[in-house]
Amino acid sequence: MGLRRDAYVDEIKWKTEKWNAEIQEFQSKGDKDKANSRGPYQREIDEITSKRVELETKILELQHAGVGGWEFMRSGVDTACKALEEAIQMARSKLK
């Protein structure tokens, strides 16, 4: 794996870890809201989890891409990152 690709993957993994911490916080708050098992927290967590899985899939594809192909795949990872970040921001605003 080239140095630039390694640095890019490390950056995305760092962002993912940060987002995972936020997701965990949502899940913790959702656990406190057990009175309504499919309440707003669970809907938002489901949406975020879906976006996170999509991003993780894109990261794996990127890591297995050939030396020349990873730049092409980078746009898909960037799009998945943006979608996850937007879902988290939406959840933050809805669940204040």
PDB file of N, CA and C in Angstrom:
ATOM      1  N   MET A   1       0.856  -1.169   0.000  1.00  0.00           N
ATOM      2  CA  MET A   1       0.000   0.000   0.000  1.00  0.00           C
ATOM      3  C   MET A   1       0.899   1.227   0.000  1.00  0.00           C
ATOM      4  N   GLY A   2       0.606   2.182  -0.858  1.00  0.00           N
ATOM      5  CA  GLY A   2       1.415   3.380  -0.939  1.00  0.00           C
ATOM      6  C   GLY A   2       1.253   4.258   0.289  1.00  0.00           C
ATOM      7  N   LEU A   3       2.243   5.097   0.512  1.00  0.00           N
ATOM      8  CA  LEU A   3       2.229   5.965   1.678  1.00  0.00           C
ATOM      9  C   LEU A   3       1.022   6.896   1.679  1.00  0.00           C
ATOM     10  N   ARG A   4       0.710   7.485   0.532  1.00  0.00           N
ATOM     11  CA  ARG A   4      -0.439   8.394   0.473  1.00  0.00           C
ATOM     12  C   ARG A   4      -1.733   7.661   0.794  1.00  0.00           C
ATOM     13  N   ARG A   5      -1.873   6.468   0.279  1.00  0.00           N
ATOM     14  CA  ARG A   5      -3.087   5.693   0.550  1.00  0.00           C
ATOM     15  C   ARG A   5      -3.146   5.334   2.026  1.00  0.00           C
ATOM     16  N   ASP A   6      -2.021   4.935   2.601  1.00  0.00           N
ATOM     17  CA  ASP A   6      -1.980   4.612   4.031  1.00  0.00           C
ATOM     18  C   ASP A   6      -2.404   5.814   4.869  1.00  0.00           C
ATOM     19  N   ALA A   7      -1.875   6.977   4.535  1.00  0.00           N
ATOM     20  CA  ALA A   7      -2.205   8.192   5.290  1.00  0.00           C
ATOM     21  C   ALA A   7      -3.684   8.518   5.141  1.00  0.00           C
ATOM     22  N   TYR A   8      -4.211   8.363   3.945  1.00  0.00           N
ATOM     23  CA  TYR A   8      -5.631   8.634   3.711  1.00  0.00           C
ATOM     24  C   TYR A   8      -6.503   7.662   4.509  1.00  0.00           C
ATOM     25  N   VAL A   9      -6.180   6.377   4.462  1.00  0.00           N
ATOM     26  CA  VAL A   9      -6.951   5.369   5.203  1.00  0.00           C
ATOM     27  C   VAL A   9      -6.865   5.645   6.704  1.00  0.00           C
ATOM     28  N   ASP A  10      -5.683   6.010   7.196  1.00  0.00           N
ATOM     29  CA  ASP A  10      -5.532   6.332   8.617  1.00  0.00           C
ATOM     30  C   ASP A  10      -6.409   7.516   9.004  1.00  0.00           C
ATOM     31  N   GLU A  11      -6.459   8.531   8.149  1.00  0.00           N
ATOM     32  CA  GLU A  11      -7.290   9.707   8.416  1.00  0.00           C
ATOM     33  C   GLU A  11      -8.770   9.323   8.475  1.00  0.00           C
ATOM     34  N   ILE A  12      -9.216   8.508   7.541  1.00  0.00           N
ATOM     35  CA  ILE A  12     -10.617   8.082   7.511  1.00  0.00           C
ATOM     36  C   ILE A  12     -10.932   7.219   8.729  1.00  0.00           C
ATOM     37  N   LYS A  13     -10.008   6.355   9.101  1.00  0.00           N
ATOM     38  CA  LYS A  13     -10.234   5.519  10.287  1.00  0.00           C
ATOM     39  C   LYS A  13     -10.309   6.377  11.549  1.00  0.00           C
ATOM     40  N   TRP A  14      -9.501   7.423  11.634  1.00  0.00           N
ATOM     41  CA  TRP A  14      -9.552   8.324  12.783  1.00  0.00           C
ATOM     42  C   TRP A  14     -10.919   9.005  12.852  1.00  0.00           C
ATOM     43  N   LYS A  15     -11.390   9.497  11.698  1.00  0.00           N
ATOM     44  CA  LYS A  15     -12.713  10.126  11.661  1.00  0.00           C
ATOM     45  C   LYS A  15     -13.795   9.124  12.067  1.00  0.00           C
ATOM     46  N   THR A  16     -13.670   7.904  11.582  1.00  0.00           N
ATOM     47  CA  THR A  16     -14.660   6.869  11.897  1.00  0.00           C
ATOM     48  C   THR A  16     -14.684   6.585  13.394  1.00  0.00           C
ATOM     49  N   GLU A  17     -13.522   6.540  14.016  1.00  0.00           N
ATOM     50  CA  GLU A  17     -13.461   6.315  15.464  1.00  0.00           C
ATOM     51  C   GLU A  17     -14.163   7.447  16.218  1.00  0.00           C
ATOM     52  N   LYS A  18     -13.954   8.664  15.765  1.00  0.00           N
ATOM     53  CA  LYS A  18     -14.602   9.820  16.379  1.00  0.00           C
ATOM     54  C   LYS A  18     -16.126   9.708  16.222  1.00  0.00           C
ATOM     55  N   TRP A  19     -16.568   9.358  15.023  1.00  0.00           N
ATOM     56  CA  TRP A  19     -17.999   9.207  14.775  1.00  0.00           C
ATOM     57  C   TRP A  19     -18.573   8.040  15.566  1.00  0.00           C
ATOM     58  N   ASN A  20     -17.813   6.966  15.701  1.00  0.00           N
ATOM     59  CA  ASN A  20     -18.273   5.823  16.500  1.00  0.00           C
ATOM     60  C   ASN A  20     -18.529   6.228  17.950  1.00  0.00           C
ATOM     61  N   ALA A  21     -17.700   7.115  18.474  1.00  0.00           N
ATOM     62  CA  ALA A  21     -17.907   7.601  19.839  1.00  0.00           C
ATOM     63  C   ALA A  21     -19.228   8.364  19.937  1.00  0.00           C
ATOM     64  N   GLU A  22     -19.538   9.158  18.923  1.00  0.00           N
ATOM     65  CA  GLU A  22     -20.805   9.884  18.914  1.00  0.00           C
ATOM     66  C   GLU A  22     -21.979   8.919  18.789  1.00  0.00           C
ATOM     67  N   ILE A  23     -21.820   7.918  17.952  1.00  0.00           N
ATOM     68  CA  ILE A  23     -22.876   6.918  17.794  1.00  0.00           C
ATOM     69  C   ILE A  23     -23.113   6.205  19.113  1.00  0.00           C
ATOM     70  N   GLN A  24     -22.038   5.879  19.808  1.00  0.00           N
ATOM     71  CA  GLN A  24     -22.153   5.231  21.111  1.00  0.00           C
ATOM     72  C   GLN A  24     -22.910   6.113  22.096  1.00  0.00           C
ATOM     73  N   GLU A  25     -22.663   7.413  22.022  1.00  0.00           N
ATOM     74  CA  GLU A  25     -23.372   8.359  22.894  1.00  0.00           C
ATOM     75  C   GLU A  25     -24.879   8.349  22.577  1.00  0.00           C
ATOM     76  N   PHE A  26     -25.218   8.345  21.285  1.00  0.00           N
ATOM     77  CA  PHE A  26     -26.629   8.258  20.896  1.00  0.00           C
ATOM     78  C   PHE A  26     -27.256   6.969  21.433  1.00  0.00           C
ATOM     79  N   GLN A  27     -26.505   5.863  21.303  1.00  0.00           N
ATOM     80  CA  GLN A  27     -27.025   4.581  21.772  1.00  0.00           C
ATOM     81  C   GLN A  27     -27.241   4.596  23.279  1.00  0.00           C
ATOM     82  N   SER A  28     -26.336   5.222  23.997  1.00  0.00           N
ATOM     83  CA  SER A  28     -26.467   5.318  25.450  1.00  0.00           C
ATOM     84  C   SER A  28     -27.714   6.120  25.821  1.00  0.00           C
ATOM     85  N   LYS A  29     -27.934   7.234  25.149  1.00  0.00           N
ATOM     86  CA  LYS A  29     -29.128   8.041  25.396  1.00  0.00           C
ATOM     87  C   LYS A  29     -30.383   7.278  25.001  1.00  0.00           C
ATOM     88  N   GLY A  30     -30.278   6.523  23.915  1.00  0.00           N
ATOM     89  CA  GLY A  30     -31.417   5.727  23.475  1.00  0.00           C
ATOM     90  C   GLY A  30     -31.777   4.640  24.471  1.00  0.00           C
ATOM     91  N   ASP A  31     -30.761   4.070  25.109  1.00  0.00           N
ATOM     92  CA  ASP A  31     -31.007   3.040  26.125  1.00  0.00           C
ATOM     93  C   ASP A  31     -31.777   3.614  27.305  1.00  0.00           C
ATOM     94  N   LYS A  32     -31.547   4.890  27.588  1.00  0.00           N
ATOM     95  CA  LYS A  32     -32.266   5.537  28.685  1.00  0.00           C
ATOM     96  C   LYS A  32     -33.719   5.820  28.302  1.00  0.00           C
ATOM     97  N   ASP A  33     -33.987   5.822  27.003  1.00  0.00           N
ATOM     98  CA  ASP A  33     -35.326   6.111  26.495  1.00  0.00           C
ATOM     99  C   ASP A  33     -36.046   4.809  26.129  1.00  0.00           C
ATOM    100  N   LYS A  34     -35.945   3.820  26.991  1.00  0.00           N
ATOM    101  CA  LYS A  34     -36.516   2.494  26.728  1.00  0.00           C
ATOM    102  C   LYS A  34     -38.044   2.494  26.709  1.00  0.00           C
ATOM    103  N   ALA A  35     -38.680   3.514  27.252  1.00  0.00           N
ATOM    104  CA  ALA A  35     -40.147   3.538  27.301  1.00  0.00           C
ATOM    105  C   ALA A  35     -40.738   3.387  25.905  1.00  0.00           C
ATOM    106  N   ASN A  36     -40.078   3.937  24.911  1.00  0.00           N
ATOM    107  CA  ASN A  36     -40.538   3.829  23.533  1.00  0.00           C
ATOM    108  C   ASN A  36     -39.420   3.145  22.742  1.00  0.00           C
ATOM    109  N   SER A  37     -39.502   1.845  22.602  1.00  0.00           N
ATOM    110  CA  SER A  37     -38.391   1.059  22.049  1.00  0.00           C
ATOM    111  C   SER A  37     -38.021   1.452  20.621  1.00  0.00           C
ATOM    112  N   ARG A  38     -38.930   2.019  19.861  1.00  0.00           N
ATOM    113  CA  ARG A  38     -38.588   2.474  18.511  1.00  0.00           C
ATOM    114  C   ARG A  38     -38.682   3.992  18.440  1.00  0.00           C
ATOM    115  N   GLY A  39     -38.234   4.637  19.517  1.00  0.00           N
ATOM    116  CA  GLY A  39     -38.289   6.082  19.613  1.00  0.00           C
ATOM    117  C   GLY A  39     -37.324   6.761  18.657  1.00  0.00           C
ATOM    118  N   PRO A  40     -37.228   8.055  18.778  1.00  0.00           N
ATOM    119  CA  PRO A  40     -36.400   8.828  17.851  1.00  0.00           C
ATOM    120  C   PRO A  40     -34.929   8.432  17.875  1.00  0.00           C
ATOM    121  N   TYR A  41     -34.415   8.056  19.028  1.00  0.00           N
ATOM    122  CA  TYR A  41     -33.008   7.653  19.084  1.00  0.00           C
ATOM    123  C   TYR A  41     -32.756   6.426  18.223  1.00  0.00           C
ATOM    124  N   GLN A  42     -33.621   5.442  18.327  1.00  0.00           N
ATOM    125  CA  GLN A  42     -33.404   4.212  17.579  1.00  0.00           C
ATOM    126  C   GLN A  42     -33.474   4.446  16.073  1.00  0.00           C
ATOM    127  N   ARG A  43     -34.407   5.273  15.634  1.00  0.00           N
ATOM    128  CA  ARG A  43     -34.500   5.571  14.196  1.00  0.00           C
ATOM    129  C   ARG A  43     -33.222   6.232  13.701  1.00  0.00           C
ATOM    130  N   GLU A  44     -32.717   7.191  14.462  1.00  0.00           N
ATOM    131  CA  GLU A  44     -31.490   7.882  14.066  1.00  0.00           C
ATOM    132  C   GLU A  44     -30.287   6.942  14.117  1.00  0.00           C
ATOM    133  N   ILE A  45     -30.220   6.111  15.146  1.00  0.00           N
ATOM    134  CA  ILE A  45     -29.123   5.149  15.269  1.00  0.00           C
ATOM    135  C   ILE A  45     -29.132   4.177  14.094  1.00  0.00           C
ATOM    136  N   ASP A  46     -30.309   3.719  13.696  1.00  0.00           N
ATOM    137  CA  ASP A  46     -30.410   2.810  12.551  1.00  0.00           C
ATOM    138  C   ASP A  46     -29.891   3.465  11.277  1.00  0.00           C
ATOM    139  N   GLU A  47     -30.254   4.719  11.067  1.00  0.00           N
ATOM    140  CA  GLU A  47     -29.802   5.454   9.881  1.00  0.00           C
ATOM    141  C   GLU A  47     -28.285   5.627   9.897  1.00  0.00           C
ATOM    142  N   ILE A  48     -27.760   6.031  11.038  1.00  0.00           N
ATOM    143  CA  ILE A  48     -26.318   6.241  11.165  1.00  0.00           C
ATOM    144  C   ILE A  48     -25.565   4.916  10.991  1.00  0.00           C
ATOM    145  N   THR A  49     -26.084   3.863  11.581  1.00  0.00           N
ATOM    146  CA  THR A  49     -25.431   2.555  11.476  1.00  0.00           C
ATOM    147  C   THR A  49     -25.356   2.105  10.022  1.00  0.00           C
ATOM    148  N   SER A  50     -26.417   2.341   9.287  1.00  0.00           N
ATOM    149  CA  SER A  50     -26.430   1.993   7.859  1.00  0.00           C
ATOM    150  C   SER A  50     -25.340   2.753   7.111  1.00  0.00           C
ATOM    151  N   LYS A  51     -25.213   4.028   7.391  1.00  0.00           N
ATOM    152  CA  LYS A  51     -24.177   4.850   6.741  1.00  0.00           C
ATOM    153  C   LYS A  51     -22.779   4.407   7.161  1.00  0.00           C
ATOM    154  N   ARG A  52     -22.627   4.014   8.417  1.00  0.00           N
ATOM    155  CA  ARG A  52     -21.320   3.564   8.899  1.00  0.00           C
ATOM    156  C   ARG A  52     -20.908   2.264   8.209  1.00  0.00           C
ATOM    157  N   VAL A  53     -21.842   1.335   8.052  1.00  0.00           N
ATOM    158  CA  VAL A  53     -21.548   0.074   7.377  1.00  0.00           C
ATOM    159  C   VAL A  53     -21.139   0.336   5.929  1.00  0.00           C
ATOM    160  N   GLU A  54     -21.835   1.260   5.282  1.00  0.00           N
ATOM    161  CA  GLU A  54     -21.488   1.612   3.905  1.00  0.00           C
ATOM    162  C   GLU A  54     -20.071   2.169   3.834  1.00  0.00           C
ATOM    163  N   LEU A  55     -19.715   3.031   4.770  1.00  0.00           N
ATOM    164  CA  LEU A  55     -18.367   3.593   4.795  1.00  0.00           C
ATOM    165  C   LEU A  55     -17.324   2.510   5.045  1.00  0.00           C
ATOM    166  N   GLU A  56     -17.579   1.631   5.989  1.00  0.00           N
ATOM    167  CA  GLU A  56     -16.626   0.560   6.281  1.00  0.00           C
ATOM    168  C   GLU A  56     -16.401  -0.332   5.069  1.00  0.00           C
ATOM    169  N   THR A  57     -17.457  -0.589   4.319  1.00  0.00           N
ATOM    170  CA  THR A  57     -17.340  -1.382   3.090  1.00  0.00           C
ATOM    171  C   THR A  57     -16.462  -0.667   2.079  1.00  0.00           C
ATOM    172  N   LYS A  58     -16.674   0.633   1.926  1.00  0.00           N
ATOM    173  CA  LYS A  58     -15.871   1.422   0.982  1.00  0.00           C
ATOM    174  C   LYS A  58     -14.397   1.457   1.404  1.00  0.00           C
ATOM    175  N   ILE A  59     -14.146   1.542   2.699  1.00  0.00           N
ATOM    176  CA  ILE A  59     -12.762   1.550   3.188  1.00  0.00           C
ATOM    177  C   ILE A  59     -12.078   0.234   2.854  1.00  0.00           C
ATOM    178  N   LEU A  60     -12.774  -0.869   3.068  1.00  0.00           N
ATOM    179  CA  LEU A  60     -12.198  -2.184   2.736  1.00  0.00           C
ATOM    180  C   LEU A  60     -11.903  -2.289   1.242  1.00  0.00           C
ATOM    181  N   GLU A  61     -12.825  -1.822   0.418  1.00  0.00           N
ATOM    182  CA  GLU A  61     -12.605  -1.846  -1.033  1.00  0.00           C
ATOM    183  C   GLU A  61     -11.382  -1.012  -1.399  1.00  0.00           C
ATOM    184  N   LEU A  62     -11.247   0.144  -0.767  1.00  0.00           N
ATOM    185  CA  LEU A  62     -10.114   1.016  -1.024  1.00  0.00           C
ATOM    186  C   LEU A  62      -8.805   0.347  -0.640  1.00  0.00           C
ATOM    187  N   GLN A  63      -8.794  -0.309   0.516  1.00  0.00           N
ATOM    188  CA  GLN A  63      -7.581  -0.968   0.984  1.00  0.00           C
ATOM    189  C   GLN A  63      -7.154  -2.098   0.057  1.00  0.00           C
ATOM    190  N   HIS A  64      -8.098  -2.722  -0.608  1.00  0.00           N
ATOM    191  CA  HIS A  64      -7.785  -3.835  -1.501  1.00  0.00           C
ATOM    192  C   HIS A  64      -7.628  -3.410  -2.957  1.00  0.00           C
ATOM    193  N   ALA A  65      -7.779  -2.136  -3.217  1.00  0.00           N
ATOM    194  CA  ALA A  65      -7.647  -1.629  -4.585  1.00  0.00           C
ATOM    195  C   ALA A  65      -6.182  -1.642  -4.998  1.00  0.00           C
ATOM    196  N   GLY A  66      -5.964  -1.781  -6.271  1.00  0.00           N
ATOM    197  CA  GLY A  66      -4.613  -1.731  -6.796  1.00  0.00           C
ATOM    198  C   GLY A  66      -4.017  -0.342  -6.632  1.00  0.00           C
ATOM    199  N   VAL A  67      -2.723  -0.265  -6.848  1.00  0.00           N
ATOM    200  CA  VAL A  67      -2.007   0.991  -6.666  1.00  0.00           C
ATOM    201  C   VAL A  67      -2.627   2.109  -7.505  1.00  0.00           C
ATOM    202  N   GLY A  68      -2.994   1.828  -8.727  1.00  0.00           N
ATOM    203  CA  GLY A  68      -3.566   2.852  -9.593  1.00  0.00           C
ATOM    204  C   GLY A  68      -5.047   3.083  -9.373  1.00  0.00           C
ATOM    205  N   GLY A  69      -5.739   2.133  -8.753  1.00  0.00           N
ATOM    206  CA  GLY A  69      -7.181   2.224  -8.621  1.00  0.00           C
ATOM    207  C   GLY A  69      -7.681   2.916  -7.365  1.00  0.00           C
ATOM    208  N   TRP A  70      -6.827   3.091  -6.381  1.00  0.00           N
ATOM    209  CA  TRP A  70      -7.319   3.634  -5.119  1.00  0.00           C
ATOM    210  C   TRP A  70      -7.758   5.083  -5.248  1.00  0.00           C
ATOM    211  N   GLU A  71      -7.104   5.863  -6.092  1.00  0.00           N
ATOM    212  CA  GLU A  71      -7.503   7.265  -6.283  1.00  0.00           C
ATOM    213  C   GLU A  71      -8.925   7.342  -6.831  1.00  0.00           C
ATOM    214  N   PHE A  72      -9.250   6.436  -7.740  1.00  0.00           N
ATOM    215  CA  PHE A  72     -10.597   6.388  -8.307  1.00  0.00           C
ATOM    216  C   PHE A  72     -11.616   6.052  -7.218  1.00  0.00           C
ATOM    217  N   MET A  73     -11.268   5.136  -6.342  1.00  0.00           N
ATOM    218  CA  MET A  73     -12.182   4.689  -5.291  1.00  0.00           C
ATOM    219  C   MET A  73     -12.306   5.715  -4.167  1.00  0.00           C
ATOM    220  N   ARG A  74     -11.362   6.612  -4.092  1.00  0.00           N
ATOM    221  CA  ARG A  74     -11.355   7.612  -3.024  1.00  0.00           C
ATOM    222  C   ARG A  74     -12.635   8.450  -3.032  1.00  0.00           C
ATOM    223  N   SER A  75     -13.151   8.772  -4.199  1.00  0.00           N
ATOM    224  CA  SER A  75     -14.366   9.596  -4.256  1.00  0.00           C
ATOM    225  C   SER A  75     -15.548   8.880  -3.613  1.00  0.00           C
ATOM    226  N   GLY A  76     -15.619   7.563  -3.760  1.00  0.00           N
ATOM    227  CA  GLY A  76     -16.679   6.800  -3.112  1.00  0.00           C
ATOM    228  C   GLY A  76     -16.554   6.830  -1.597  1.00  0.00           C
ATOM    229  N   VAL A  77     -15.338   6.756  -1.107  1.00  0.00           N
ATOM    230  CA  VAL A  77     -15.096   6.833   0.342  1.00  0.00           C
ATOM    231  C   VAL A  77     -15.443   8.227   0.841  1.00  0.00           C
ATOM    232  N   ASP A  78     -15.028   9.248   0.100  1.00  0.00           N
ATOM    233  CA  ASP A  78     -15.343  10.623   0.497  1.00  0.00           C
ATOM    234  C   ASP A  78     -16.854  10.848   0.556  1.00  0.00           C
ATOM    235  N   THR A  79     -17.574  10.313  -0.422  1.00  0.00           N
ATOM    236  CA  THR A  79     -19.034  10.439  -0.447  1.00  0.00           C
ATOM    237  C   THR A  79     -19.656   9.723   0.752  1.00  0.00           C
ATOM    238  N   ALA A  80     -19.166   8.529   1.065  1.00  0.00           N
ATOM    239  CA  ALA A  80     -19.684   7.773   2.207  1.00  0.00           C
ATOM    240  C   ALA A  80     -19.366   8.499   3.520  1.00  0.00           C
ATOM    241  N   CYS A  81     -18.192   9.113   3.620  1.00  0.00           N
ATOM    242  CA  CYS A  81     -17.829   9.898   4.813  1.00  0.00           C
ATOM    243  C   CYS A  81     -18.791  11.061   4.983  1.00  0.00           C
ATOM    244  N   LYS A  82     -19.033  11.754   3.898  1.00  0.00           N
ATOM    245  CA  LYS A  82     -19.919  12.913   3.961  1.00  0.00           C
ATOM    246  C   LYS A  82     -21.334  12.490   4.355  1.00  0.00           C
ATOM    247  N   ALA A  83     -21.811  11.367   3.821  1.00  0.00           N
ATOM    248  CA  ALA A  83     -23.149  10.880   4.156  1.00  0.00           C
ATOM    249  C   ALA A  83     -23.251  10.525   5.635  1.00  0.00           C
ATOM    250  N   LEU A  84     -22.227   9.881   6.169  1.00  0.00           N
ATOM    251  CA  LEU A  84     -22.223   9.528   7.589  1.00  0.00           C
ATOM    252  C   LEU A  84     -22.159  10.784   8.459  1.00  0.00           C
ATOM    253  N   GLU A  85     -21.294  11.695   8.098  1.00  0.00           N
ATOM    254  CA  GLU A  85     -21.166  12.930   8.870  1.00  0.00           C
ATOM    255  C   GLU A  85     -22.489  13.708   8.870  1.00  0.00           C
ATOM    256  N   GLU A  86     -23.153  13.784   7.719  1.00  0.00           N
ATOM    257  CA  GLU A  86     -24.431  14.482   7.638  1.00  0.00           C
ATOM    258  C   GLU A  86     -25.506  13.781   8.466  1.00  0.00           C
ATOM    259  N   ALA A  87     -25.507  12.447   8.466  1.00  0.00           N
ATOM    260  CA  ALA A  87     -26.477  11.701   9.269  1.00  0.00           C
ATOM    261  C   ALA A  87     -26.254  11.959  10.758  1.00  0.00           C
ATOM    262  N   ILE A  88     -25.009  12.037  11.167  1.00  0.00           N
ATOM    263  CA  ILE A  88     -24.700  12.321  12.562  1.00  0.00           C
ATOM    264  C   ILE A  88     -25.119  13.745  12.920  1.00  0.00           C
ATOM    265  N   GLN A  89     -24.841  14.696  12.037  1.00  0.00           N
ATOM    266  CA  GLN A  89     -25.258  16.071  12.289  1.00  0.00           C
ATOM    267  C   GLN A  89     -26.785  16.180  12.379  1.00  0.00           C
ATOM    268  N   MET A  90     -27.482  15.474  11.506  1.00  0.00           N
ATOM    269  CA  MET A  90     -28.946  15.473  11.530  1.00  0.00           C
ATOM    270  C   MET A  90     -29.444  14.896  12.846  1.00  0.00           C
ATOM    271  N   ALA A  91     -28.830  13.803  13.296  1.00  0.00           N
ATOM    272  CA  ALA A  91     -29.223  13.185  14.551  1.00  0.00           C
ATOM    273  C   ALA A  91     -28.990  14.138  15.716  1.00  0.00           C
ATOM    274  N   ARG A  92     -27.843  14.814  15.697  1.00  0.00           N
ATOM    275  CA  ARG A  92     -27.544  15.779  16.754  1.00  0.00           C
ATOM    276  C   ARG A  92     -28.621  16.837  16.846  1.00  0.00           C
ATOM    277  N   SER A  93     -29.027  17.362  15.692  1.00  0.00           N
ATOM    278  CA  SER A  93     -30.024  18.438  15.697  1.00  0.00           C
ATOM    279  C   SER A  93     -31.413  17.929  16.100  1.00  0.00           C
ATOM    280  N   LYS A  94     -31.758  16.724  15.709  1.00  0.00           N
ATOM    281  CA  LYS A  94     -33.070  16.170  16.046  1.00  0.00           C
ATOM    282  C   LYS A  94     -33.163  15.736  17.493  1.00  0.00           C
ATOM    283  N   LEU A  95     -32.052  15.311  18.066  1.00  0.00           N
ATOM    284  CA  LEU A  95     -32.086  14.698  19.379  1.00  0.00           C
ATOM    285  C   LEU A  95     -31.604  15.623  20.494  1.00  0.00           C
ATOM    286  N   LYS A  96     -31.530  16.895  20.231  1.00  0.00           N
ATOM    287  CA  LYS A  96     -31.121  17.854  21.277  1.00  0.00           C
ATOM    288  C   LYS A  96     -32.131  17.911  22.378  1.00  0.00           C
TER     289      LYS A  96
END
